Amino acid sequence: MAKSISTVSDTDPISASVRAGILRKMEPRRKVELVEDANRTSRLLALAGIAVRHPELTIKDRQRILMDLVLGKDLARQAYGPTPDLKNR
């Protein structure tokens, strides 16, 4: 069996062991659903943060800025065009 990499965690070892057991028994499809939910939540939180910092932006502009964060500025610019100009708003 491969050694696990030690990480810093605020989860006590018994709880971590229970969680690992649950994940081992979980169907792969359910694991994918959990990852998709986590990704969706992180994007919604990022959009909320962008909205707080730039309430003047349209939803479309906020989503475009999110793509800079998700894809990186160069790839996002190639896929979606220029980033909205935040200095003149």
PDB file of N, CA and C in Angstrom:
ATOM      1  N   MET A   1       0.839  -1.177   0.000  1.00  0.00           N
ATOM      2  CA  MET A   1       0.000   0.000   0.000  1.00  0.00           C
ATOM      3  C   MET A   1       0.887   1.245   0.000  1.00  0.00           C
ATOM      4  N   ALA A   2       0.529   2.238  -0.794  1.00  0.00           N
ATOM      5  CA  ALA A   2       1.304   3.465  -0.892  1.00  0.00           C
ATOM      6  C   ALA A   2       1.137   4.294   0.377  1.00  0.00           C
ATOM      7  N   LYS A   3       2.208   4.981   0.736  1.00  0.00           N
ATOM      8  CA  LYS A   3       2.142   5.877   1.894  1.00  0.00           C
ATOM      9  C   LYS A   3       1.376   7.128   1.507  1.00  0.00           C
ATOM     10  N   SER A   4       0.592   7.630   2.444  1.00  0.00           N
ATOM     11  CA  SER A   4      -0.120   8.877   2.170  1.00  0.00           C
ATOM     12  C   SER A   4       0.777  10.049   2.536  1.00  0.00           C
ATOM     13  N   ILE A   5       0.549  11.140   1.866  1.00  0.00           N
ATOM     14  CA  ILE A   5       1.313  12.360   2.130  1.00  0.00           C
ATOM     15  C   ILE A   5       0.707  13.032   3.351  1.00  0.00           C
ATOM     16  N   SER A   6       1.539  13.384   4.288  1.00  0.00           N
ATOM     17  CA  SER A   6       1.064  14.044   5.495  1.00  0.00           C
ATOM     18  C   SER A   6       0.658  15.474   5.179  1.00  0.00           C
ATOM     19  N   THR A   7      -0.513  15.866   5.641  1.00  0.00           N
ATOM     20  CA  THR A   7      -0.990  17.227   5.439  1.00  0.00           C
ATOM     21  C   THR A   7      -1.453  17.806   6.760  1.00  0.00           C
ATOM     22  N   VAL A   8      -1.505  19.100   6.823  1.00  0.00           N
ATOM     23  CA  VAL A   8      -2.016  19.779   8.002  1.00  0.00           C
ATOM     24  C   VAL A   8      -3.533  19.745   7.919  1.00  0.00           C
ATOM     25  N   SER A   9      -4.169  19.356   9.008  1.00  0.00           N
ATOM     26  CA  SER A   9      -5.618  19.255   8.998  1.00  0.00           C
ATOM     27  C   SER A   9      -6.167  19.593  10.369  1.00  0.00           C
ATOM     28  N   ASP A  10      -7.352  20.184  10.372  1.00  0.00           N
ATOM     29  CA  ASP A  10      -8.004  20.449  11.648  1.00  0.00           C
ATOM     30  C   ASP A  10      -8.998  19.334  11.979  1.00  0.00           C
ATOM     31  N   THR A  11      -8.983  18.267  11.178  1.00  0.00           N
ATOM     32  CA  THR A  11      -9.865  17.127  11.401  1.00  0.00           C
ATOM     33  C   THR A  11      -9.144  16.103  12.272  1.00  0.00           C
ATOM     34  N   ASP A  12      -9.809  15.661  13.325  1.00  0.00           N
ATOM     35  CA  ASP A  12      -9.163  14.677  14.194  1.00  0.00           C
ATOM     36  C   ASP A  12      -9.004  13.363  13.438  1.00  0.00           C
ATOM     37  N   PRO A  13      -8.024  12.548  13.799  1.00  0.00           N
ATOM     38  CA  PRO A  13      -7.718  11.311  13.057  1.00  0.00           C
ATOM     39  C   PRO A  13      -8.888  10.332  12.952  1.00  0.00           C
ATOM     40  N   ILE A  14      -9.705  10.218  13.978  1.00  0.00           N
ATOM     41  CA  ILE A  14     -10.840   9.292  13.910  1.00  0.00           C
ATOM     42  C   ILE A  14     -11.841   9.757  12.858  1.00  0.00           C
ATOM     43  N   SER A  15     -12.145  11.046  12.859  1.00  0.00           N
ATOM     44  CA  SER A  15     -13.071  11.589  11.859  1.00  0.00           C
ATOM     45  C   SER A  15     -12.505  11.445  10.453  1.00  0.00           C
ATOM     46  N   ALA A  16     -11.210  11.685  10.299  1.00  0.00           N
ATOM     47  CA  ALA A  16     -10.566  11.549   8.993  1.00  0.00           C
ATOM     48  C   ALA A  16     -10.646  10.103   8.509  1.00  0.00           C
ATOM     49  N   SER A  17     -10.479   9.173   9.410  1.00  0.00           N
ATOM     50  CA  SER A  17     -10.558   7.755   9.058  1.00  0.00           C
ATOM     51  C   SER A  17     -11.978   7.382   8.623  1.00  0.00           C
ATOM     52  N   VAL A  18     -12.973   7.884   9.338  1.00  0.00           N
ATOM     53  CA  VAL A  18     -14.370   7.624   8.967  1.00  0.00           C
ATOM     54  C   VAL A  18     -14.660   8.211   7.591  1.00  0.00           C
ATOM     55  N   ARG A  19     -14.211   9.441   7.365  1.00  0.00           N
ATOM     56  CA  ARG A  19     -14.430  10.088   6.064  1.00  0.00           C
ATOM     57  C   ARG A  19     -13.770   9.286   4.944  1.00  0.00           C
ATOM     58  N   ALA A  20     -12.539   8.836   5.176  1.00  0.00           N
ATOM     59  CA  ALA A  20     -11.829   8.055   4.160  1.00  0.00           C
ATOM     60  C   ALA A  20     -12.580   6.764   3.848  1.00  0.00           C
ATOM     61  N   GLY A  21     -13.127   6.129   4.874  1.00  0.00           N
ATOM     62  CA  GLY A  21     -13.893   4.911   4.663  1.00  0.00           C
ATOM     63  C   GLY A  21     -15.135   5.159   3.831  1.00  0.00           C
ATOM     64  N   ILE A  22     -15.805   6.249   4.114  1.00  0.00           N
ATOM     65  CA  ILE A  22     -17.009   6.603   3.348  1.00  0.00           C
ATOM     66  C   ILE A  22     -16.645   6.861   1.886  1.00  0.00           C
ATOM     67  N   LEU A  23     -15.557   7.595   1.662  1.00  0.00           N
ATOM     68  CA  LEU A  23     -15.133   7.895   0.290  1.00  0.00           C
ATOM     69  C   LEU A  23     -14.725   6.632  -0.467  1.00  0.00           C
ATOM     70  N   ARG A  24     -14.059   5.699   0.217  1.00  0.00           N
ATOM     71  CA  ARG A  24     -13.663   4.442  -0.433  1.00  0.00           C
ATOM     72  C   ARG A  24     -14.875   3.646  -0.906  1.00  0.00           C
ATOM     73  N   LYS A  25     -15.946   3.679  -0.141  1.00  0.00           N
ATOM     74  CA  LYS A  25     -17.156   2.899  -0.466  1.00  0.00           C
ATOM     75  C   LYS A  25     -18.061   3.620  -1.474  1.00  0.00           C
ATOM     76  N   MET A  26     -17.827   4.886  -1.680  1.00  0.00           N
ATOM     77  CA  MET A  26     -18.709   5.686  -2.525  1.00  0.00           C
ATOM     78  C   MET A  26     -18.526   5.331  -4.003  1.00  0.00           C
ATOM     79  N   GLU A  27     -19.628   5.326  -4.725  1.00  0.00           N
ATOM     80  CA  GLU A  27     -19.571   5.079  -6.165  1.00  0.00           C
ATOM     81  C   GLU A  27     -18.816   6.215  -6.856  1.00  0.00           C
ATOM     82  N   PRO A  28     -18.039   5.894  -7.895  1.00  0.00           N
ATOM     83  CA  PRO A  28     -17.293   6.933  -8.614  1.00  0.00           C
ATOM     84  C   PRO A  28     -18.188   8.065  -9.111  1.00  0.00           C
ATOM     85  N   ARG A  29     -19.389   7.719  -9.591  1.00  0.00           N
ATOM     86  CA  ARG A  29     -20.313   8.751 -10.085  1.00  0.00           C
ATOM     87  C   ARG A  29     -20.646   9.761  -8.991  1.00  0.00           C
ATOM     88  N   ARG A  30     -20.831   9.290  -7.766  1.00  0.00           N
ATOM     89  CA  ARG A  30     -21.152  10.185  -6.649  1.00  0.00           C
ATOM     90  C   ARG A  30     -19.954  11.067  -6.310  1.00  0.00           C
ATOM     91  N   LYS A  31     -18.750  10.509  -6.398  1.00  0.00           N
ATOM     92  CA  LYS A  31     -17.546  11.315  -6.143  1.00  0.00           C
ATOM     93  C   LYS A  31     -17.444  12.457  -7.155  1.00  0.00           C
ATOM     94  N   VAL A  32     -17.746  12.148  -8.412  1.00  0.00           N
ATOM     95  CA  VAL A  32     -17.725  13.180  -9.459  1.00  0.00           C
ATOM     96  C   VAL A  32     -18.771  14.252  -9.157  1.00  0.00           C
ATOM     97  N   GLU A  33     -19.949  13.841  -8.716  1.00  0.00           N
ATOM     98  CA  GLU A  33     -20.993  14.804  -8.361  1.00  0.00           C
ATOM     99  C   GLU A  33     -20.524  15.733  -7.242  1.00  0.00           C
ATOM    100  N   LEU A  34     -19.836  15.177  -6.249  1.00  0.00           N
ATOM    101  CA  LEU A  34     -19.334  16.010  -5.146  1.00  0.00           C
ATOM    102  C   LEU A  34     -18.306  17.023  -5.637  1.00  0.00           C
ATOM    103  N   VAL A  35     -17.432  16.597  -6.532  1.00  0.00           N
ATOM    104  CA  VAL A  35     -16.430  17.519  -7.086  1.00  0.00           C
ATOM    105  C   VAL A  35     -17.122  18.605  -7.913  1.00  0.00           C
ATOM    106  N   GLU A  36     -18.113  18.209  -8.714  1.00  0.00           N
ATOM    107  CA  GLU A  36     -18.856  19.203  -9.502  1.00  0.00           C
ATOM    108  C   GLU A  36     -19.553  20.208  -8.591  1.00  0.00           C
ATOM    109  N   ASP A  37     -20.144  19.743  -7.510  1.00  0.00           N
ATOM    110  CA  ASP A  37     -20.791  20.653  -6.550  1.00  0.00           C
ATOM    111  C   ASP A  37     -19.786  21.617  -5.940  1.00  0.00           C
ATOM    112  N   ALA A  38     -18.617  21.095  -5.581  1.00  0.00           N
ATOM    113  CA  ALA A  38     -17.580  21.949  -4.996  1.00  0.00           C
ATOM    114  C   ALA A  38     -17.102  22.992  -5.999  1.00  0.00           C
ATOM    115  N   ASN A  39     -16.928  22.587  -7.256  1.00  0.00           N
ATOM    116  CA  ASN A  39     -16.514  23.541  -8.294  1.00  0.00           C
ATOM    117  C   ASN A  39     -17.573  24.615  -8.518  1.00  0.00           C
ATOM    118  N   ARG A  40     -18.836  24.199  -8.566  1.00  0.00           N
ATOM    119  CA  ARG A  40     -19.929  25.159  -8.763  1.00  0.00           C
ATOM    120  C   ARG A  40     -19.980  26.162  -7.609  1.00  0.00           C
ATOM    121  N   THR A  41     -19.827  25.654  -6.396  1.00  0.00           N
ATOM    122  CA  THR A  41     -19.843  26.526  -5.218  1.00  0.00           C
ATOM    123  C   THR A  41     -18.676  27.500  -5.245  1.00  0.00           C
ATOM    124  N   SER A  42     -17.493  27.024  -5.604  1.00  0.00           N
ATOM    125  CA  SER A  42     -16.331  27.920  -5.630  1.00  0.00           C
ATOM    126  C   SER A  42     -16.494  29.010  -6.686  1.00  0.00           C
ATOM    127  N   ARG A  43     -17.083  28.675  -7.822  1.00  0.00           N
ATOM    128  CA  ARG A  43     -17.315  29.692  -8.856  1.00  0.00           C
ATOM    129  C   ARG A  43     -18.353  30.711  -8.400  1.00  0.00           C
ATOM    130  N   LEU A  44     -19.403  30.242  -7.727  1.00  0.00           N
ATOM    131  CA  LEU A  44     -20.411  31.180  -7.211  1.00  0.00           C
ATOM    132  C   LEU A  44     -19.809  32.109  -6.161  1.00  0.00           C
ATOM    133  N   LEU A  45     -18.956  31.567  -5.301  1.00  0.00           N
ATOM    134  CA  LEU A  45     -18.289  32.407  -4.297  1.00  0.00           C
ATOM    135  C   LEU A  45     -17.356  33.415  -4.965  1.00  0.00           C
ATOM    136  N   ALA A  46     -16.638  32.968  -5.996  1.00  0.00           N
ATOM    137  CA  ALA A  46     -15.755  33.888  -6.715  1.00  0.00           C
ATOM    138  C   ALA A  46     -16.559  34.996  -7.392  1.00  0.00           C
ATOM    139  N   LEU A  47     -17.681  34.639  -8.024  1.00  0.00           N
ATOM    140  CA  LEU A  47     -18.535  35.658  -8.644  1.00  0.00           C
ATOM    141  C   LEU A  47     -19.080  36.634  -7.611  1.00  0.00           C
ATOM    142  N   ALA A  48     -19.438  36.124  -6.437  1.00  0.00           N
ATOM    143  CA  ALA A  48     -19.923  37.011  -5.375  1.00  0.00           C
ATOM    144  C   ALA A  48     -18.825  37.971  -4.939  1.00  0.00           C
ATOM    145  N   GLY A  49     -17.607  37.482  -4.835  1.00  0.00           N
ATOM    146  CA  GLY A  49     -16.486  38.350  -4.474  1.00  0.00           C
ATOM    147  C   GLY A  49     -16.235  39.422  -5.517  1.00  0.00           C
ATOM    148  N   ILE A  50     -16.319  39.046  -6.787  1.00  0.00           N
ATOM    149  CA  ILE A  50     -16.153  40.016  -7.874  1.00  0.00           C
ATOM    150  C   ILE A  50     -17.266  41.060  -7.800  1.00  0.00           C
ATOM    151  N   ALA A  51     -18.487  40.615  -7.517  1.00  0.00           N
ATOM    152  CA  ALA A  51     -19.624  41.544  -7.425  1.00  0.00           C
ATOM    153  C   ALA A  51     -19.449  42.527  -6.273  1.00  0.00           C
ATOM    154  N   VAL A  52     -18.900  42.064  -5.165  1.00  0.00           N
ATOM    155  CA  VAL A  52     -18.673  42.960  -4.014  1.00  0.00           C
ATOM    156  C   VAL A  52     -17.621  44.003  -4.364  1.00  0.00           C
ATOM    157  N   ARG A  53     -16.553  43.554  -5.039  1.00  0.00           N
ATOM    158  CA  ARG A  53     -15.476  44.483  -5.383  1.00  0.00           C
ATOM    159  C   ARG A  53     -15.828  45.405  -6.546  1.00  0.00           C
ATOM    160  N   HIS A  54     -16.729  44.938  -7.429  1.00  0.00           N
ATOM    161  CA  HIS A  54     -17.077  45.712  -8.625  1.00  0.00           C
ATOM    162  C   HIS A  54     -18.587  45.680  -8.852  1.00  0.00           C
ATOM    163  N   PRO A  55     -19.348  46.324  -7.985  1.00  0.00           N
ATOM    164  CA  PRO A  55     -20.814  46.289  -8.137  1.00  0.00           C
ATOM    165  C   PRO A  55     -21.304  46.966  -9.409  1.00  0.00           C
ATOM    166  N   GLU A  56     -20.473  47.783 -10.008  1.00  0.00           N
ATOM    167  CA  GLU A  56     -20.868  48.505 -11.216  1.00  0.00           C
ATOM    168  C   GLU A  56     -20.848  47.623 -12.467  1.00  0.00           C
ATOM    169  N   LEU A  57     -20.218  46.459 -12.393  1.00  0.00           N
ATOM    170  CA  LEU A  57     -20.097  45.597 -13.562  1.00  0.00           C
ATOM    171  C   LEU A  57     -21.394  44.851 -13.853  1.00  0.00           C
ATOM    172  N   THR A  58     -21.582  44.571 -15.122  1.00  0.00           N
ATOM    173  CA  THR A  58     -22.710  43.727 -15.519  1.00  0.00           C
ATOM    174  C   THR A  58     -22.383  42.275 -15.155  1.00  0.00           C
ATOM    175  N   ILE A  59     -23.397  41.441 -15.154  1.00  0.00           N
ATOM    176  CA  ILE A  59     -23.182  40.013 -14.885  1.00  0.00           C
ATOM    177  C   ILE A  59     -22.231  39.426 -15.930  1.00  0.00           C
ATOM    178  N   LYS A  60     -22.403  39.830 -17.171  1.00  0.00           N
ATOM    179  CA  LYS A  60     -21.534  39.339 -18.252  1.00  0.00           C
ATOM    180  C   LYS A  60     -20.074  39.712 -17.988  1.00  0.00           C
ATOM    181  N   ASP A  61     -19.834  40.944 -17.559  1.00  0.00           N
ATOM    182  CA  ASP A  61     -18.465  41.369 -17.262  1.00  0.00           C
ATOM    183  C   ASP A  61     -17.899  40.618 -16.055  1.00  0.00           C
ATOM    184  N   ARG A  62     -18.734  40.364 -15.051  1.00  0.00           N
ATOM    185  CA  ARG A  62     -18.280  39.600 -13.880  1.00  0.00           C
ATOM    186  C   ARG A  62     -17.890  38.185 -14.286  1.00  0.00           C
ATOM    187  N   GLN A  63     -18.710  37.583 -15.160  1.00  0.00           N
ATOM    188  CA  GLN A  63     -18.399  36.232 -15.623  1.00  0.00           C
ATOM    189  C   GLN A  63     -17.117  36.220 -16.448  1.00  0.00           C
ATOM    190  N   ARG A  64     -16.898  37.285 -17.216  1.00  0.00           N
ATOM    191  CA  ARG A  64     -15.668  37.372 -18.014  1.00  0.00           C
ATOM    192  C   ARG A  64     -14.452  37.455 -17.108  1.00  0.00           C
ATOM    193  N   ILE A  65     -14.535  38.229 -16.035  1.00  0.00           N
ATOM    194  CA  ILE A  65     -13.430  38.328 -15.073  1.00  0.00           C
ATOM    195  C   ILE A  65     -13.203  36.976 -14.393  1.00  0.00           C
ATOM    196  N   LEU A  66     -14.271  36.274 -14.104  1.00  0.00           N
ATOM    197  CA  LEU A  66     -14.143  34.937 -13.519  1.00  0.00           C
ATOM    198  C   LEU A  66     -13.338  34.027 -14.441  1.00  0.00           C
ATOM    199  N   MET A  67     -13.551  34.130 -15.738  1.00  0.00           N
ATOM    200  CA  MET A  67     -12.806  33.289 -16.680  1.00  0.00           C
ATOM    201  C   MET A  67     -11.309  33.583 -16.636  1.00  0.00           C
ATOM    202  N   ASP A  68     -10.934  34.841 -16.335  1.00  0.00           N
ATOM    203  CA  ASP A  68      -9.512  35.149 -16.128  1.00  0.00           C
ATOM    204  C   ASP A  68      -8.957  34.320 -14.976  1.00  0.00           C
ATOM    205  N   LEU A  69      -9.756  34.192 -13.924  1.00  0.00           N
ATOM    206  CA  LEU A  69      -9.312  33.429 -12.755  1.00  0.00           C
ATOM    207  C   LEU A  69      -9.277  31.927 -13.034  1.00  0.00           C
ATOM    208  N   VAL A  70     -10.259  31.446 -13.771  1.00  0.00           N
ATOM    209  CA  VAL A  70     -10.380  30.005 -14.022  1.00  0.00           C
ATOM    210  C   VAL A  70      -9.371  29.531 -15.070  1.00  0.00           C
ATOM    211  N   LEU A  71      -9.271  30.271 -16.171  1.00  0.00           N
ATOM    212  CA  LEU A  71      -8.461  29.832 -17.305  1.00  0.00           C
ATOM    213  C   LEU A  71      -7.089  30.478 -17.378  1.00  0.00           C
ATOM    214  N   GLY A  72      -6.905  31.574 -16.667  1.00  0.00           N
ATOM    215  CA  GLY A  72      -5.706  32.388 -16.842  1.00  0.00           C
ATOM    216  C   GLY A  72      -6.009  33.461 -17.869  1.00  0.00           C
ATOM    217  N   LYS A  73      -5.353  34.594 -17.729  1.00  0.00           N
ATOM    218  CA  LYS A  73      -5.697  35.748 -18.569  1.00  0.00           C
ATOM    219  C   LYS A  73      -5.482  35.509 -20.054  1.00  0.00           C
ATOM    220  N   ASP A  74      -4.383  34.846 -20.422  1.00  0.00           N
ATOM    221  CA  ASP A  74      -4.097  34.657 -21.846  1.00  0.00           C
ATOM    222  C   ASP A  74      -5.135  33.769 -22.523  1.00  0.00           C
ATOM    223  N   LEU A  75      -5.435  32.622 -21.941  1.00  0.00           N
ATOM    224  CA  LEU A  75      -6.405  31.718 -22.541  1.00  0.00           C
ATOM    225  C   LEU A  75      -7.810  32.320 -22.520  1.00  0.00           C
ATOM    226  N   ALA A  76      -8.161  32.990 -21.424  1.00  0.00           N
ATOM    227  CA  ALA A  76      -9.480  33.630 -21.339  1.00  0.00           C
ATOM    228  C   ALA A  76      -9.622  34.707 -22.409  1.00  0.00           C
ATOM    229  N   ARG A  77      -8.568  35.465 -22.653  1.00  0.00           N
ATOM    230  CA  ARG A  77      -8.625  36.503 -23.688  1.00  0.00           C
ATOM    231  C   ARG A  77      -8.805  35.870 -25.072  1.00  0.00           C
ATOM    232  N   GLN A  78      -8.113  34.755 -25.324  1.00  0.00           N
ATOM    233  CA  GLN A  78      -8.265  34.071 -26.610  1.00  0.00           C
ATOM    234  C   GLN A  78      -9.682  33.538 -26.786  1.00  0.00           C
ATOM    235  N   ALA A  79     -10.253  33.012 -25.714  1.00  0.00           N
ATOM    236  CA  ALA A  79     -11.577  32.391 -25.799  1.00  0.00           C
ATOM    237  C   ALA A  79     -12.720  33.397 -25.744  1.00  0.00           C
ATOM    238  N   TYR A  80     -12.566  34.459 -24.925  1.00  0.00           N
ATOM    239  CA  TYR A  80     -13.693  35.357 -24.647  1.00  0.00           C
ATOM    240  C   TYR A  80     -13.444  36.812 -24.988  1.00  0.00           C
ATOM    241  N   GLY A  81     -12.274  37.146 -25.503  1.00  0.00           N
ATOM    242  CA  GLY A  81     -11.982  38.535 -25.820  1.00  0.00           C
ATOM    243  C   GLY A  81     -11.387  39.269 -24.632  1.00  0.00           C
ATOM    244  N   PRO A  82     -11.244  40.583 -24.772  1.00  0.00           N
ATOM    245  CA  PRO A  82     -10.563  41.358 -23.733  1.00  0.00           C
ATOM    246  C   PRO A  82     -11.332  41.396 -22.412  1.00  0.00           C
ATOM    247  N   THR A  83     -10.561  41.566 -21.353  1.00  0.00           N
ATOM    248  CA  THR A  83     -11.132  41.726 -20.017  1.00  0.00           C
ATOM    249  C   THR A  83     -11.768  43.110 -19.931  1.00  0.00           C
ATOM    250  N   PRO A  84     -12.913  43.243 -19.258  1.00  0.00           N
ATOM    251  CA  PRO A  84     -13.512  44.578 -19.086  1.00  0.00           C
ATOM    252  C   PRO A  84     -12.532  45.534 -18.423  1.00  0.00           C
ATOM    253  N   ASP A  85     -12.556  46.778 -18.845  1.00  0.00           N
ATOM    254  CA  ASP A  85     -11.693  47.794 -18.265  1.00  0.00           C
ATOM    255  C   ASP A  85     -12.271  48.234 -16.941  1.00  0.00           C
ATOM    256  N   LEU A  86     -11.564  47.942 -15.859  1.00  0.00           N
ATOM    257  CA  LEU A  86     -12.065  48.269 -14.520  1.00  0.00           C
ATOM    258  C   LEU A  86     -11.674  49.674 -14.089  1.00  0.00           C
ATOM    259  N   LYS A  87     -10.702  50.282 -14.735  1.00  0.00           N
ATOM    260  CA  LYS A  87     -10.200  51.590 -14.313  1.00  0.00           C
ATOM    261  C   LYS A  87     -11.173  52.710 -14.627  1.00  0.00           C
ATOM    262  N   ASN A  88     -11.931  52.557 -15.692  1.00  0.00           N
ATOM    263  CA  ASN A  88     -12.836  53.630 -16.103  1.00  0.00           C
ATOM    264  C   ASN A  88     -14.242  53.461 -15.562  1.00  0.00           C
ATOM    265  N   ARG A  89     -14.437  52.606 -14.595  1.00  0.00           N
ATOM    266  CA  ARG A  89     -15.785  52.371 -14.083  1.00  0.00           C
ATOM    267  C   ARG A  89     -15.913  52.901 -12.688  1.00  0.00           C
TER     268      ARG A  89
END
